[in-house]
Amino acid sequence: MTLGWVIFGTVAQALLAFFLFMVVVFSSSSIANLQTLTRVQNTILDLSLYALPASCILSAVVVIFCYRNGGSPSGYWWHALPIALTIAYLVFATHLSGQGPVQ
C-alpha cells in the first residue's frame, strides 16, 4: 500500500460520504412524501441516512489502519464496502418507488 493511494482513497471516501448523504436525503424524502410507508421501511430509510456515509468513513479508517500496520494491497478492497451498501440501498429505494402512490 502506498501513501498516495491511501490519501486519494480517503479523500474519495469523504466526498462519497457527502454525496451519499444527499442521495439518501432526496430519495427517501421523495419516497416518503409520495406514499405511506410501514414502520420497518421508514426505519430502513432513516438508518440509511446515517449508515451509508458512516460506511465511507469506516472504510477509510480501516484502510488507514491497514496502511499504518503494513497491510497488503488487498486492504484497498475495503473501499468497496460503501459501494455494495449503496447498491443495496438503491435496489431497496427503487423497489419502494416502484410500488406507486397509495390511492
Protein backbone atom coordinates (compact mmCIF):
# COMPACT_ATOMS: atom_id res chain seq x y z
CA MET A 1 0.00 0.00 0.00
CA THR A 2 1.35 3.41 -0.93
CA LEU A 3 0.67 6.63 0.93
CA GLY A 4 -0.54 8.40 -2.22
CA TRP A 5 -3.28 5.87 -2.91
CA VAL A 6 -4.32 5.76 0.73
CA ILE A 7 -4.72 9.57 0.77
CA PHE A 8 -6.58 9.52 -2.56
CA GLY A 9 -8.90 6.77 -1.34
CA THR A 10 -9.57 8.59 1.92
CA VAL A 11 -10.44 11.84 0.16
CA ALA A 12 -12.63 9.96 -2.32
CA GLN A 13 -14.46 8.23 0.54
CA ALA A 14 -15.05 11.56 2.28
CA LEU A 15 -16.54 13.04 -0.89
CA LEU A 16 -18.61 9.90 -1.43
CA ALA A 17 -19.96 10.23 2.12
CA PHE A 18 -21.31 13.73 1.40
CA PHE A 19 -22.75 12.57 -1.94
CA LEU A 20 -24.46 9.54 -0.41
CA PHE A 21 -25.94 11.67 2.36
CA MET A 22 -27.55 13.93 -0.23
CA VAL A 23 -28.74 10.97 -2.34
CA VAL A 24 -30.45 9.41 0.67
CA VAL A 25 -31.95 12.71 1.84
CA PHE A 26 -33.59 13.46 -1.50
CA SER A 27 -34.59 9.92 -2.43
CA SER A 28 -36.03 8.98 0.95
CA SER A 29 -37.91 12.26 1.31
CA SER A 30 -39.37 11.81 -2.16
CA ILE A 31 -40.43 8.25 -1.41
CA ALA A 32 -41.88 9.20 1.99
CA ASN A 33 -43.89 12.10 0.50
CA LEU A 34 -45.43 10.01 -2.27
CA GLN A 35 -46.66 7.01 -0.29
CA THR A 36 -47.42 5.64 3.12
CA LEU A 37 -44.55 3.55 4.43
CA THR A 38 -44.55 0.83 7.04
CA ARG A 39 -42.58 1.36 10.21
CA VAL A 40 -39.85 -1.02 9.02
CA GLN A 41 -39.49 0.71 5.64
CA ASN A 42 -39.34 4.11 7.32
CA THR A 43 -36.72 2.85 9.78
CA ILE A 44 -34.57 1.46 6.96
CA LEU A 45 -34.71 4.79 5.13
CA ASP A 46 -33.86 6.69 8.32
CA LEU A 47 -30.94 4.42 9.17
CA SER A 48 -29.63 4.64 5.61
CA LEU A 49 -29.28 8.38 6.09
CA TYR A 50 -26.53 7.73 8.63
CA ALA A 51 -25.29 4.24 7.73
CA LEU A 52 -24.22 4.94 4.14
CA PRO A 53 -21.99 7.94 4.94
CA ALA A 54 -20.70 6.17 8.06
CA SER A 55 -19.67 3.18 5.94
CA CYS A 56 -17.50 5.50 3.84
CA ILE A 57 -15.75 6.88 6.90
CA LEU A 58 -15.38 3.39 8.38
CA SER A 59 -13.80 2.01 5.22
CA ALA A 60 -11.37 4.93 5.04
CA VAL A 61 -10.36 4.40 8.67
CA VAL A 62 -9.83 0.67 8.10
CA VAL A 63 -7.65 1.34 5.04
CA ILE A 64 -5.58 3.86 7.03
CA PHE A 65 -5.25 1.29 9.82
CA CYS A 66 -4.12 -1.34 7.31
CA TYR A 67 -1.58 1.08 5.84
CA ARG A 68 -0.13 2.00 9.24
CA ASN A 69 0.22 -1.67 10.17
CA GLY A 70 1.88 -2.74 6.93
CA GLY A 71 -1.17 -4.21 5.24
CA SER A 72 -1.16 -5.71 1.79
CA PRO A 73 -2.74 -4.07 -1.26
CA SER A 74 -5.79 -6.28 -0.75
CA GLY A 75 -6.73 -3.81 2.00
CA TYR A 76 -7.94 -1.48 -0.74
CA TRP A 77 -10.97 -3.76 -1.11
CA TRP A 78 -12.42 -2.07 1.97
CA HIS A 79 -13.26 0.83 -0.33
CA ALA A 80 -15.86 -1.43 -1.98
CA LEU A 81 -17.97 -1.69 1.19
CA PRO A 82 -19.84 1.62 0.72
CA ILE A 83 -20.43 0.83 -2.95
CA ALA A 84 -22.03 -2.51 -2.06
CA LEU A 85 -24.22 -0.85 0.57
CA THR A 86 -25.18 1.87 -1.91
CA ILE A 87 -26.27 -0.73 -4.44
CA ALA A 88 -28.38 -2.43 -1.75
CA TYR A 89 -29.96 0.91 -0.83
CA LEU A 90 -30.70 1.79 -4.45
CA VAL A 91 -32.36 -1.59 -5.01
CA PHE A 92 -34.49 -1.04 -1.90
CA ALA A 93 -35.40 2.54 -2.84
CA THR A 94 -36.22 1.54 -6.41
CA HIS A 95 -38.45 -1.23 -5.11
CA LEU A 96 -40.25 1.23 -2.84
CA SER A 97 -40.68 3.86 -5.54
CA GLY A 98 -41.96 1.22 -7.95
CA GLN A 99 -44.89 0.45 -5.67
CA GLY A 100 -46.53 3.75 -6.64
CA PRO A 101 -48.53 6.12 -4.51
CA VAL A 102 -51.24 4.84 -2.21
CA GLN A 103 -54.66 5.72 -3.56
